[in-house]
Amino acid sequence: MARTIGAAEDFYRLRVTRLDETDEPDLEWREDILYRTPPAQEIGVSEDWVLEAVTLDDDETVTRLGSYASADEAYEALDAAEEALRSLTKSRFEERFCAGESNG
């Protein structure tokens, strides 16, 4: 396997995803329109925020960088990871954040 050298921001992008396990429908059907997003409600106990690194050349290759209990924590971690993404090389970024956890 060839080792690629370069800036981490040339290989990855970051995203925060909200995961929840609610039984409520994602859409509310109405007769006058096809569908609409239901009003925001309190999410149950099983809400989780995930910070992920996605490779630019294959958006199916996703590496989980962290899991957080709140959006504030996740976006704070995103800010720190974005700073590292701008300043580190690809290999240093992978050593620091990825630790071989790819699920693509």
N, C-alpha and C. Protein backbone atom coordinates (compact mmCIF):
# COMPACT_ATOMS: atom_id res chain seq x y z
N MET A 1 0.85 -1.18 0.00
CA MET A 1 0.00 0.00 0.00
C MET A 1 0.90 1.24 0.00
N ALA A 2 0.65 2.11 -0.93
CA ALA A 2 1.43 3.35 -1.04
C ALA A 2 0.99 4.35 0.00
N ARG A 3 1.94 5.07 0.52
CA ARG A 3 1.64 6.09 1.51
C ARG A 3 1.54 7.44 0.82
N THR A 4 0.45 8.14 1.04
CA THR A 4 0.23 9.42 0.41
C THR A 4 0.61 10.54 1.37
N ILE A 5 1.30 11.53 0.84
CA ILE A 5 1.76 12.64 1.66
C ILE A 5 1.07 13.92 1.20
N GLY A 6 0.68 14.75 2.16
CA GLY A 6 0.06 16.02 1.83
C GLY A 6 -0.68 16.58 3.02
N ALA A 7 -1.31 17.72 2.82
CA ALA A 7 -2.09 18.36 3.88
C ALA A 7 -3.37 17.57 4.12
N ALA A 8 -3.76 17.44 5.37
CA ALA A 8 -4.95 16.66 5.72
C ALA A 8 -6.21 17.22 5.07
N GLU A 9 -6.30 18.54 4.92
CA GLU A 9 -7.49 19.14 4.34
C GLU A 9 -7.64 18.81 2.86
N ASP A 10 -6.58 18.28 2.23
CA ASP A 10 -6.67 17.84 0.84
C ASP A 10 -7.27 16.44 0.72
N PHE A 11 -7.44 15.75 1.85
CA PHE A 11 -7.91 14.37 1.84
C PHE A 11 -9.22 14.15 2.59
N TYR A 12 -9.54 15.02 3.54
CA TYR A 12 -10.70 14.81 4.40
C TYR A 12 -11.59 16.04 4.49
N ARG A 13 -12.85 15.80 4.78
CA ARG A 13 -13.77 16.84 5.23
C ARG A 13 -14.42 16.30 6.49
N LEU A 14 -14.93 17.20 7.32
CA LEU A 14 -15.52 16.79 8.59
C LEU A 14 -17.01 17.07 8.59
N ARG A 15 -17.76 16.27 9.35
CA ARG A 15 -19.20 16.50 9.50
C ARG A 15 -19.66 16.04 10.88
N VAL A 16 -20.74 16.67 11.33
CA VAL A 16 -21.41 16.27 12.57
C VAL A 16 -22.76 15.72 12.18
N THR A 17 -23.10 14.56 12.71
CA THR A 17 -24.36 13.90 12.40
C THR A 17 -25.11 13.62 13.70
N ARG A 18 -26.41 13.88 13.69
CA ARG A 18 -27.24 13.57 14.86
C ARG A 18 -27.87 12.21 14.64
N LEU A 19 -27.72 11.34 15.63
CA LEU A 19 -28.34 10.03 15.60
C LEU A 19 -29.38 9.98 16.70
N ASP A 20 -30.54 9.47 16.38
CA ASP A 20 -31.54 9.26 17.43
C ASP A 20 -32.33 8.00 17.12
N GLU A 21 -32.92 7.45 18.14
CA GLU A 21 -33.70 6.22 18.00
C GLU A 21 -35.13 6.47 18.47
N THR A 22 -35.80 7.38 17.83
CA THR A 22 -37.19 7.65 18.20
C THR A 22 -38.12 6.86 17.31
N ASP A 23 -39.32 6.63 17.80
CA ASP A 23 -40.33 5.92 17.03
C ASP A 23 -41.25 6.88 16.28
N GLU A 24 -41.02 8.16 16.45
CA GLU A 24 -41.87 9.16 15.81
C GLU A 24 -41.57 9.22 14.32
N PRO A 25 -42.58 9.50 13.49
CA PRO A 25 -42.34 9.59 12.05
C PRO A 25 -41.49 10.81 11.69
N ASP A 26 -40.69 10.68 10.63
CA ASP A 26 -39.87 11.78 10.17
C ASP A 26 -40.70 12.81 9.41
N LEU A 27 -41.81 12.38 8.85
CA LEU A 27 -42.65 13.25 8.04
C LEU A 27 -44.09 13.22 8.56
N GLU A 28 -44.77 14.33 8.41
CA GLU A 28 -46.19 14.41 8.79
C GLU A 28 -46.99 14.60 7.51
N TRP A 29 -47.89 13.66 7.22
CA TRP A 29 -48.68 13.73 5.98
C TRP A 29 -49.85 14.67 6.15
N ARG A 30 -50.09 15.45 5.11
CA ARG A 30 -51.25 16.33 5.06
C ARG A 30 -51.87 16.20 3.68
N GLU A 31 -53.17 16.44 3.59
CA GLU A 31 -53.84 16.29 2.31
C GLU A 31 -53.59 17.46 1.37
N ASP A 32 -53.35 18.66 1.89
CA ASP A 32 -53.16 19.81 1.02
C ASP A 32 -51.74 19.92 0.46
N ILE A 33 -50.79 19.23 1.08
CA ILE A 33 -49.43 19.15 0.54
C ILE A 33 -48.95 17.72 0.66
N LEU A 34 -47.93 17.38 -0.09
CA LEU A 34 -47.46 16.00 -0.08
C LEU A 34 -46.96 15.59 1.31
N TYR A 35 -46.10 16.38 1.89
CA TYR A 35 -45.61 16.11 3.24
C TYR A 35 -45.00 17.39 3.80
N ARG A 36 -44.76 17.40 5.08
CA ARG A 36 -44.03 18.49 5.72
C ARG A 36 -43.26 17.93 6.90
N THR A 37 -42.25 18.62 7.28
CA THR A 37 -41.46 18.22 8.43
C THR A 37 -42.30 18.44 9.68
N PRO A 38 -42.37 17.46 10.57
CA PRO A 38 -43.15 17.66 11.79
C PRO A 38 -42.53 18.72 12.68
N PRO A 39 -43.32 19.31 13.55
CA PRO A 39 -42.76 20.33 14.45
C PRO A 39 -41.69 19.72 15.35
N ALA A 40 -40.71 20.55 15.68
CA ALA A 40 -39.61 20.08 16.53
C ALA A 40 -40.15 19.69 17.90
N GLN A 41 -39.73 18.54 18.35
CA GLN A 41 -40.14 18.04 19.66
C GLN A 41 -38.91 17.61 20.42
N GLU A 42 -39.09 17.41 21.68
CA GLU A 42 -37.98 16.96 22.51
C GLU A 42 -37.59 15.55 22.11
N ILE A 43 -36.32 15.35 21.82
CA ILE A 43 -35.83 14.04 21.44
C ILE A 43 -35.65 13.20 22.71
N GLY A 44 -35.87 11.91 22.56
CA GLY A 44 -35.75 11.01 23.70
C GLY A 44 -34.32 10.87 24.21
N VAL A 45 -34.14 9.98 25.13
CA VAL A 45 -32.87 9.79 25.81
C VAL A 45 -31.79 9.29 24.85
N SER A 46 -32.17 8.67 23.75
CA SER A 46 -31.20 8.02 22.87
C SER A 46 -30.65 8.92 21.78
N GLU A 47 -30.45 10.20 22.07
CA GLU A 47 -29.86 11.13 21.11
C GLU A 47 -28.34 11.09 21.25
N ASP A 48 -27.65 11.12 20.10
CA ASP A 48 -26.20 11.06 20.09
C ASP A 48 -25.70 11.90 18.94
N TRP A 49 -24.60 12.60 19.13
CA TRP A 49 -23.98 13.43 18.09
C TRP A 49 -22.64 12.82 17.75
N VAL A 50 -22.35 12.64 16.46
CA VAL A 50 -21.16 11.96 16.01
C VAL A 50 -20.33 12.88 15.12
N LEU A 51 -19.04 12.97 15.39
CA LEU A 51 -18.11 13.71 14.55
C LEU A 51 -17.41 12.70 13.65
N GLU A 52 -17.44 12.94 12.33
CA GLU A 52 -16.89 12.00 11.37
C GLU A 52 -15.97 12.71 10.38
N ALA A 53 -14.97 11.97 9.91
CA ALA A 53 -14.10 12.43 8.83
C ALA A 53 -14.46 11.60 7.60
N VAL A 54 -14.72 12.29 6.50
CA VAL A 54 -15.09 11.64 5.25
C VAL A 54 -13.98 11.90 4.24
N THR A 55 -13.51 10.85 3.57
CA THR A 55 -12.46 11.05 2.57
C THR A 55 -13.05 11.73 1.35
N LEU A 56 -12.29 12.63 0.77
CA LEU A 56 -12.77 13.40 -0.38
C LEU A 56 -12.89 12.56 -1.64
N ASP A 57 -12.02 11.57 -1.81
CA ASP A 57 -12.07 10.78 -3.04
C ASP A 57 -13.09 9.64 -2.99
N ASP A 58 -13.61 9.30 -1.81
CA ASP A 58 -14.62 8.25 -1.67
C ASP A 58 -15.51 8.59 -0.50
N ASP A 59 -16.69 9.17 -0.77
CA ASP A 59 -17.55 9.61 0.33
C ASP A 59 -18.20 8.45 1.09
N GLU A 60 -17.94 7.23 0.68
CA GLU A 60 -18.41 6.06 1.43
C GLU A 60 -17.45 5.69 2.56
N THR A 61 -16.24 6.20 2.52
CA THR A 61 -15.25 5.90 3.55
C THR A 61 -15.35 6.96 4.64
N VAL A 62 -15.90 6.55 5.77
CA VAL A 62 -16.17 7.45 6.89
C VAL A 62 -15.45 6.92 8.13
N THR A 63 -14.78 7.80 8.84
CA THR A 63 -14.11 7.44 10.07
C THR A 63 -14.72 8.24 11.21
N ARG A 64 -15.20 7.54 12.23
CA ARG A 64 -15.79 8.21 13.39
C ARG A 64 -14.68 8.73 14.29
N LEU A 65 -14.70 10.04 14.50
CA LEU A 65 -13.68 10.68 15.33
C LEU A 65 -14.11 10.80 16.78
N GLY A 66 -15.43 10.83 17.02
CA GLY A 66 -15.91 10.95 18.38
C GLY A 66 -17.42 10.90 18.45
N SER A 67 -17.93 10.62 19.64
CA SER A 67 -19.36 10.57 19.89
C SER A 67 -19.65 11.45 21.09
N TYR A 68 -20.71 12.28 20.99
CA TYR A 68 -20.96 13.30 22.02
C TYR A 68 -22.43 13.29 22.43
N ALA A 69 -22.68 13.71 23.65
CA ALA A 69 -24.04 13.71 24.20
C ALA A 69 -24.84 14.93 23.78
N SER A 70 -24.18 16.01 23.38
CA SER A 70 -24.90 17.23 23.00
C SER A 70 -24.32 17.84 21.74
N ALA A 71 -25.11 18.66 21.09
CA ALA A 71 -24.66 19.35 19.88
C ALA A 71 -23.52 20.31 20.20
N ASP A 72 -23.60 20.98 21.34
CA ASP A 72 -22.54 21.93 21.72
C ASP A 72 -21.18 21.24 21.83
N GLU A 73 -21.17 20.07 22.46
CA GLU A 73 -19.92 19.31 22.60
C GLU A 73 -19.40 18.88 21.22
N ALA A 74 -20.30 18.42 20.36
CA ALA A 74 -19.91 17.94 19.04
C ALA A 74 -19.34 19.07 18.19
N TYR A 75 -19.98 20.23 18.21
CA TYR A 75 -19.49 21.35 17.41
C TYR A 75 -18.22 21.96 17.98
N GLU A 76 -18.03 21.86 19.28
CA GLU A 76 -16.77 22.30 19.88
C GLU A 76 -15.63 21.39 19.42
N ALA A 77 -15.90 20.08 19.40
CA ALA A 77 -14.90 19.13 18.90
C ALA A 77 -14.66 19.32 17.40
N LEU A 78 -15.71 19.67 16.66
CA LEU A 78 -15.57 19.94 15.23
C LEU A 78 -14.63 21.11 14.99
N ASP A 79 -14.77 22.17 15.77
CA ASP A 79 -13.89 23.34 15.63
C ASP A 79 -12.43 22.96 15.85
N ALA A 80 -12.18 22.15 16.88
CA ALA A 80 -10.81 21.73 17.17
C ALA A 80 -10.27 20.82 16.06
N ALA A 81 -11.10 19.93 15.56
CA ALA A 81 -10.68 19.02 14.50
C ALA A 81 -10.44 19.77 13.19
N GLU A 82 -11.25 20.80 12.91
CA GLU A 82 -11.05 21.59 11.70
C GLU A 82 -9.74 22.37 11.76
N GLU A 83 -9.40 22.86 12.92
CA GLU A 83 -8.12 23.55 13.08
C GLU A 83 -6.97 22.59 12.81
N ALA A 84 -7.08 21.38 13.35
CA ALA A 84 -6.05 20.36 13.11
C ALA A 84 -6.01 19.96 11.64
N LEU A 85 -7.17 19.87 11.02
CA LEU A 85 -7.25 19.51 9.60
C LEU A 85 -6.49 20.52 8.74
N ARG A 86 -6.58 21.80 9.10
CA ARG A 86 -5.89 22.85 8.35
C ARG A 86 -4.38 22.86 8.60
N SER A 87 -3.96 22.43 9.78
CA SER A 87 -2.54 22.59 10.14
C SER A 87 -1.71 21.31 10.07
N LEU A 88 -2.34 20.15 10.07
CA LEU A 88 -1.58 18.89 10.10
C LEU A 88 -1.47 18.26 8.71
N THR A 89 -0.47 17.39 8.58
CA THR A 89 -0.38 16.57 7.37
C THR A 89 -1.38 15.43 7.48
N LYS A 90 -1.60 14.76 6.38
CA LYS A 90 -2.56 13.64 6.36
C LYS A 90 -2.18 12.57 7.39
N SER A 91 -0.91 12.17 7.39
CA SER A 91 -0.49 11.10 8.31
C SER A 91 -0.58 11.53 9.77
N ARG A 92 -0.24 12.77 10.08
CA ARG A 92 -0.35 13.26 11.47
C ARG A 92 -1.81 13.34 11.90
N PHE A 93 -2.68 13.79 11.00
CA PHE A 93 -4.11 13.86 11.31
C PHE A 93 -4.66 12.46 11.60
N GLU A 94 -4.28 11.49 10.78
CA GLU A 94 -4.74 10.12 10.99
C GLU A 94 -4.22 9.55 12.30
N GLU A 95 -2.96 9.82 12.63
CA GLU A 95 -2.41 9.35 13.90
C GLU A 95 -3.16 9.94 15.08
N ARG A 96 -3.48 11.23 14.99
CA ARG A 96 -4.10 11.93 16.11
C ARG A 96 -5.60 11.63 16.25
N PHE A 97 -6.31 11.56 15.15
CA PHE A 97 -7.77 11.46 15.22
C PHE A 97 -8.35 10.11 14.78
N CYS A 98 -7.83 9.53 13.75
CA CYS A 98 -8.48 8.37 13.15
C CYS A 98 -8.17 7.05 13.86
N ALA A 99 -6.97 6.83 14.22
CA ALA A 99 -6.55 5.61 14.96
C ALA A 99 -7.06 4.34 14.30
N GLY A 100 -7.14 4.33 12.97
CA GLY A 100 -7.51 3.12 12.22
C GLY A 100 -8.97 2.73 12.29
N GLU A 101 -9.86 3.61 12.70
CA GLU A 101 -11.28 3.28 12.80
C GLU A 101 -12.05 3.73 11.57
N SER A 102 -11.98 2.99 10.50
CA SER A 102 -12.72 3.32 9.28
C SER A 102 -13.92 2.39 9.17
N ASN A 103 -15.07 2.93 8.79
CA ASN A 103 -16.25 2.09 8.63
C ASN A 103 -16.91 2.33 7.28
N GLY A 104 -16.13 2.46 6.25
CA GLY A 104 -16.63 2.75 4.92
C GLY A 104 -16.90 1.59 4.09
